[in-house]
């Protein structure tokens, strides 16, 4: 994270919350839920920490706007200060969280949602909030187990859900990186493009889209650190 973001997070207002559930969704990934006390727009993030002395991190909300809980998706960074602690939480344990905020917001206009890894989280919030009926979802991952929420996505998007796996093969899954799949497209429709994932992924996908004739103003990005 850059210095500006670190400074922002040091000064953000946090309130107590209590874990309602935590569920393992892969060997190194979890969905953590707690009571929702503020309204939010699908695509927004919350700052979360287990201790006021540990700097919070930002996580996209992955639950629907009308649900009674806020859920976040995270994977464990073994050398991280926060995520191993998050993974050990139990129902009833205390958290410190911010109100939802952010401008990576979905709407009902046709769009392509493009994600890598846990970058799927805001799109699940959008989908569970009633958005995305006309959209395509392209999700890239190294391993098949890390296509989080894929049962929901297959049910909702059908053939408009494209999974690209770089290290493993399976029926119905494109073998290779999502950037290779995108680079192989002959045309990109005149819709909004949402990109969510690492800085490297976002920059590479943005360049592919621009070379393919997509206007920069039609591209929205959310970078995960």
Foldseek 3Di string as FASTA:
>chain_A
DDPVVQVVQLPAAWDKWFWAAWADLFPFKIKTKTFDPDQDAQPWWKWKFQDNVDRTDIFGFQAARPDGMTIGMDGDDPPDDGRVVVVPDGGGRMMIMGHTDDDLHDDAWEEEEEEEQSQCRSVNHQVNHPHDQRYAYEYEYQDPSRPGPVVVVCVRQPVSYAYEHDHDDDPRHHHHGSLVVLLPDQADDQAAYEYEEAPVVLVSNLVSVVVRPHDPVSYHYDHDD
